[in-house]
């Protein structure tokens, strides 16, 4: 499967995931939930959608699958990126406030998305 095709699909699905993630994080933090907890809730909502879509569309092929092993790998990757994201979001909130945190989240997630693409392509969805 071509890198260009996978990149396009990963980006499109990532945008949908990110919109869901960001919307949940902003909505819950606006309602008073601490930004770190709101960030985790947003990332969970986006992750569940993304695992299935990327496994079935982006990385689908003869040497890949979406099963228990792939889900465990995905969860391990998700935990690492969520830890990094939540630390960064919390640090930004402490430094410059909630509204700047809302604006900074896309940049944090973009960087982590590149890391996630490489891990997904070469590890998560492999048989």
Protein backbone atom coordinates (compact mmCIF):
# COMPACT_ATOMS: atom_id res chain seq x y z
CA UNK A 1 0.00 0.00 0.00
CA UNK A 2 1.40 3.38 -0.95
CA UNK A 3 2.71 5.79 1.64
CA UNK A 4 0.93 8.65 -0.16
CA UNK A 5 -2.46 6.90 0.03
CA UNK A 6 -1.98 5.97 3.67
CA UNK A 7 -0.89 9.50 4.53
CA UNK A 8 -3.99 11.01 2.90
CA UNK A 9 -6.36 8.63 4.67
CA UNK A 10 -4.57 9.02 8.00
CA UNK A 11 -4.78 12.80 7.71
CA UNK A 12 -8.49 12.77 6.79
CA UNK A 13 -9.39 10.37 9.60
CA UNK A 14 -7.10 12.29 11.94
CA UNK A 15 -8.97 15.51 11.25
CA UNK A 16 -12.28 13.84 12.14
CA UNK A 17 -10.70 12.34 15.28
CA UNK A 18 -9.18 15.64 16.25
CA UNK A 19 -12.45 17.53 15.84
CA UNK A 20 -14.18 15.03 18.11
CA UNK A 21 -11.26 15.06 20.61
CA UNK A 22 -10.99 18.86 20.66
CA UNK A 23 -14.74 19.37 20.89
CA UNK A 24 -15.05 17.03 23.86
CA UNK A 25 -12.02 18.61 25.61
CA UNK A 26 -13.27 22.18 25.10
CA UNK A 27 -16.85 21.32 26.03
CA UNK A 28 -15.98 19.47 29.22
CA UNK A 29 -13.37 22.02 30.34
CA UNK A 30 -15.85 24.83 29.63
CA UNK A 31 -18.31 23.04 31.93
CA UNK A 32 -15.68 23.07 34.69
CA UNK A 33 -13.90 19.71 34.39
CA UNK A 34 -10.15 20.13 34.94
CA UNK A 35 -8.40 20.48 31.59
CA UNK A 36 -6.28 17.35 32.11
CA UNK A 37 -9.35 15.15 32.68
CA UNK A 38 -11.19 16.81 29.79
CA UNK A 39 -8.18 16.14 27.56
CA UNK A 40 -8.16 12.44 28.44
CA UNK A 41 -11.92 12.18 27.78
CA UNK A 42 -11.47 13.88 24.40
CA UNK A 43 -8.57 11.62 23.45
CA UNK A 44 -10.58 8.50 24.37
CA UNK A 45 -13.47 9.57 22.15
CA UNK A 46 -11.19 10.27 19.19
CA UNK A 47 -9.10 7.13 19.75
CA UNK A 48 -12.02 4.74 19.63
CA UNK A 49 -13.14 6.15 16.30
CA UNK A 50 -9.63 6.30 14.88
CA UNK A 51 -8.56 2.77 15.82
CA UNK A 52 -11.36 1.24 13.84
CA UNK A 53 -11.26 3.61 10.84
CA UNK A 54 -7.49 3.51 10.42
CA UNK A 55 -7.40 -0.26 10.77
CA UNK A 56 -10.18 -0.78 8.24
CA UNK A 57 -9.27 1.95 5.76
CA UNK A 58 -5.84 3.55 6.16
CA UNK A 59 -3.66 0.53 6.93
CA UNK A 60 -5.86 -2.23 5.51
CA UNK A 61 -3.86 -4.82 3.59
CA UNK A 62 -2.80 -8.45 3.39
CA UNK A 63 -0.19 -8.03 6.13
CA UNK A 64 -2.43 -6.09 8.54
CA UNK A 65 -5.51 -6.73 10.62
CA UNK A 66 -7.73 -5.20 13.30
CA UNK A 67 -7.87 -7.62 16.20
CA UNK A 68 -6.96 -8.12 19.84
CA UNK A 69 -3.18 -7.89 19.32
CA UNK A 70 -3.53 -4.71 17.31
CA UNK A 71 -5.86 -3.21 19.89
CA UNK A 72 -3.36 -3.91 22.70
CA UNK A 73 -0.60 -2.25 20.67
CA UNK A 74 -2.89 0.67 19.92
CA UNK A 75 -3.72 1.10 23.61
CA UNK A 76 -0.01 1.09 24.50
CA UNK A 77 0.66 3.77 21.88
CA UNK A 78 -2.42 5.73 22.98
CA UNK A 79 -1.36 5.67 26.63
CA UNK A 80 2.07 7.05 25.75
CA UNK A 81 0.73 9.81 23.50
CA UNK A 82 -2.05 10.67 25.97
CA UNK A 83 0.49 11.00 28.77
CA UNK A 84 2.59 13.34 26.63
CA UNK A 85 -0.46 15.28 25.42
CA UNK A 86 -1.95 15.67 28.88
CA UNK A 87 1.36 16.81 30.39
CA UNK A 88 1.81 19.36 27.59
CA UNK A 89 -1.80 20.61 27.82
CA UNK A 90 -1.54 20.94 31.61
CA UNK A 91 1.76 22.82 31.36
CA UNK A 92 0.34 25.20 28.76
CA UNK A 93 -2.74 25.79 30.93
CA UNK A 94 -0.56 26.56 33.94
CA UNK A 95 1.66 28.90 31.93
CA UNK A 96 -0.82 30.90 29.86
CA UNK A 97 -4.39 29.91 30.76
CA UNK A 98 -7.29 27.88 29.46
CA UNK A 99 -8.12 29.78 26.27
CA UNK A 100 -4.52 29.54 25.04
CA UNK A 101 -4.61 25.86 25.93
CA UNK A 102 -7.62 25.39 23.66
CA UNK A 103 -5.67 27.05 20.85
CA UNK A 104 -2.47 25.09 21.52
CA UNK A 105 -4.09 21.65 21.55
CA UNK A 106 -4.13 21.30 17.73
CA UNK A 107 -0.35 21.83 17.56
CA UNK A 108 0.32 19.32 20.31
CA UNK A 109 -1.92 16.76 18.60
CA UNK A 110 -0.37 17.40 15.17
CA UNK A 111 3.08 16.54 16.47
CA UNK A 112 1.79 13.44 18.22
CA UNK A 113 -0.17 12.49 15.08
CA UNK A 114 3.05 12.19 13.07
CA UNK A 115 4.48 9.90 15.71
CA UNK A 116 1.23 7.91 15.74
CA UNK A 117 1.28 7.49 11.96
CA UNK A 118 4.72 5.92 12.02
CA UNK A 119 3.88 3.60 14.90
CA UNK A 120 0.55 2.61 13.34
CA UNK A 121 2.05 1.94 9.93
CA UNK A 122 4.99 -0.12 11.16
CA UNK A 123 3.75 -1.69 14.39
CA UNK A 124 0.15 -1.29 15.56
CA UNK A 125 -1.77 -2.84 12.65
CA UNK A 126 0.81 -5.49 11.68
CA UNK A 127 -0.19 -9.13 12.08
